[in-house]
Amino acid sequence: MQIKKNKKPKKRMLPTVEQFLRFKPKRIDIKWKINSDGLVKIKIPKFQSNLGKYFCSVIRKDQNFTANMDKIGSIVWVNCDGIKTVEDILKIVKKKYPKEENIDQRLFLFIQQLENLKYLTY
């Protein structure tokens, strides 16, 4: 009898700061708009399955929810076009908000969070 070894899932290696700055984040194809205050609102589907969509229609609820970005998140979202690098976006945010503290760390975490939520890709 042969005993199978449990294979550990490969850990995802975190990029270095230099590598991350070269990434070109791109928004996924979802509906979004800029309101009168210049802030971005994203419409995100609650369900991907037909059953979930059907359930929403039966109970007459919206099949989407809206995510409201703040001033910095809105600038980041608009500039995640697949052309600009994270470094380019960081320069834009620093120029617009020079007095914000830890802006580079906040930007990195925000972009990683958007990627984890599958709202953007690199």
Protein backbone atom coordinates (compact mmCIF):
# COMPACT_ATOMS: atom_id res chain seq x y z
CA MET A 1 0.00 0.00 0.00
CA GLN A 2 1.33 3.39 -0.99
CA ILE A 3 0.64 6.45 1.15
CA LYS A 4 -0.07 9.62 -0.71
CA LYS A 5 1.57 12.75 0.55
CA ASN A 6 -0.59 15.80 0.82
CA LYS A 7 0.70 18.40 -1.53
CA LYS A 8 0.76 21.85 -0.02
CA PRO A 9 -0.68 24.55 -2.23
CA LYS A 10 1.96 26.79 -3.70
CA LYS A 11 2.25 30.05 -1.89
CA ARG A 12 1.78 33.05 -4.08
CA MET A 13 4.97 35.06 -4.06
CA LEU A 14 4.45 38.71 -3.31
CA PRO A 15 6.07 41.03 -5.80
CA THR A 16 8.81 43.41 -4.76
CA VAL A 17 8.01 47.12 -4.69
CA GLU A 18 9.97 47.58 -7.93
CA GLN A 19 7.99 44.79 -9.62
CA PHE A 20 4.67 46.09 -8.34
CA LEU A 21 5.39 49.60 -9.60
CA ARG A 22 5.73 48.16 -13.13
CA PHE A 23 2.33 46.40 -13.07
CA LYS A 24 -0.34 47.82 -15.36
CA PRO A 25 -3.68 47.41 -13.56
CA LYS A 26 -6.77 47.17 -15.79
CA ARG A 27 -10.37 47.47 -14.67
CA ILE A 28 -12.67 44.56 -15.43
CA ASP A 29 -15.62 45.21 -17.70
CA ILE A 30 -18.26 46.37 -15.23
CA LYS A 31 -20.52 49.42 -15.24
CA TRP A 32 -19.23 52.49 -13.50
CA LYS A 33 -19.75 56.23 -13.63
CA ILE A 34 -18.45 59.45 -12.16
CA ASN A 35 -20.99 61.43 -10.13
CA SER A 36 -21.30 65.23 -9.94
CA ASP A 37 -18.75 65.34 -7.10
CA GLY A 38 -16.15 63.59 -9.27
CA LEU A 39 -16.39 60.33 -7.32
CA VAL A 40 -16.67 56.92 -8.97
CA LYS A 41 -19.62 54.58 -8.40
CA ILE A 42 -19.24 50.96 -9.51
CA LYS A 43 -22.19 48.61 -10.13
CA ILE A 44 -21.23 45.11 -9.07
CA PRO A 45 -23.40 42.04 -9.70
CA LYS A 46 -24.50 40.28 -6.50
CA PHE A 47 -24.66 36.91 -8.25
CA GLN A 48 -22.97 35.28 -11.22
CA SER A 49 -25.33 32.31 -11.39
CA ASN A 50 -28.69 32.34 -13.11
CA LEU A 51 -30.29 31.02 -9.91
CA GLY A 52 -29.12 34.05 -7.94
CA LYS A 53 -30.26 36.42 -10.66
CA TYR A 54 -33.63 34.67 -10.81
CA PHE A 55 -33.99 34.87 -7.02
CA CYS A 56 -33.40 38.64 -7.13
CA SER A 57 -36.03 39.05 -9.82
CA VAL A 58 -38.57 36.97 -7.82
CA ILE A 59 -38.14 39.08 -4.69
CA ARG A 60 -37.89 42.24 -6.81
CA LYS A 61 -34.47 43.28 -5.58
CA ASP A 62 -31.70 44.87 -7.59
CA GLN A 63 -29.23 42.31 -8.95
CA ASN A 64 -26.35 44.72 -8.34
CA PHE A 65 -24.89 46.66 -5.49
CA THR A 66 -23.09 49.96 -5.77
CA ALA A 67 -19.56 50.54 -4.47
CA ASN A 68 -18.79 54.20 -3.85
CA MET A 69 -15.15 55.24 -4.14
CA ASP A 70 -13.60 58.08 -2.18
CA LYS A 71 -11.54 60.84 -3.83
CA ILE A 72 -8.30 58.84 -3.98
CA GLY A 73 -10.00 55.57 -4.92
CA SER A 74 -11.79 57.37 -7.75
CA ILE A 75 -8.52 58.67 -9.21
CA VAL A 76 -7.00 55.21 -8.94
CA TRP A 77 -10.02 53.53 -10.57
CA VAL A 78 -10.12 55.95 -13.50
CA ASN A 79 -6.39 55.46 -14.13
CA CYS A 80 -6.45 51.65 -13.98
CA ASP A 81 -6.71 51.50 -17.76
CA GLY A 82 -4.13 48.81 -18.53
CA ILE A 83 -1.78 51.42 -19.98
CA LYS A 84 -0.58 53.32 -16.93
CA THR A 85 1.70 51.55 -14.47
CA VAL A 86 1.21 51.59 -10.70
CA GLU A 87 4.14 54.03 -10.62
CA ASP A 88 2.31 56.37 -13.04
CA ILE A 89 -0.83 56.20 -10.90
CA LEU A 90 1.19 56.87 -7.75
CA LYS A 91 2.69 60.00 -9.34
CA ILE A 92 -0.80 61.22 -10.30
CA VAL A 93 -2.15 60.68 -6.77
CA LYS A 94 0.91 62.29 -5.12
CA LYS A 95 0.59 65.32 -7.39
CA LYS A 96 -3.13 65.71 -6.62
CA TYR A 97 -2.81 65.04 -2.86
CA PRO A 98 0.76 65.92 -1.82
CA LYS A 99 -0.04 66.13 1.91
CA GLU A 100 -1.60 62.65 2.23
CA GLU A 101 0.42 60.40 4.54
CA ASN A 102 1.59 56.91 3.51
CA ILE A 103 -0.01 57.36 0.11
CA ASP A 104 2.23 54.77 -1.56
CA GLN A 105 1.36 52.06 0.97
CA ARG A 106 -2.33 52.94 0.82
CA LEU A 107 -2.27 52.81 -2.97
CA PHE A 108 -0.52 49.42 -3.02
CA LEU A 109 -3.01 47.94 -0.57
CA PHE A 110 -5.99 49.39 -2.43
CA ILE A 111 -4.85 48.03 -5.79
CA GLN A 112 -4.14 44.62 -4.26
CA GLN A 113 -7.58 44.62 -2.66
CA LEU A 114 -9.23 45.46 -6.00
CA GLU A 115 -7.29 42.60 -7.59
CA ASN A 116 -8.29 40.18 -4.81
CA LEU A 117 -11.94 41.16 -5.32
CA LYS A 118 -11.42 40.52 -9.06
CA TYR A 119 -12.35 44.11 -9.98
CA LEU A 120 -9.09 44.52 -11.87
CA THR A 121 -6.27 42.47 -13.36
CA TYR A 122 -2.61 43.13 -14.12
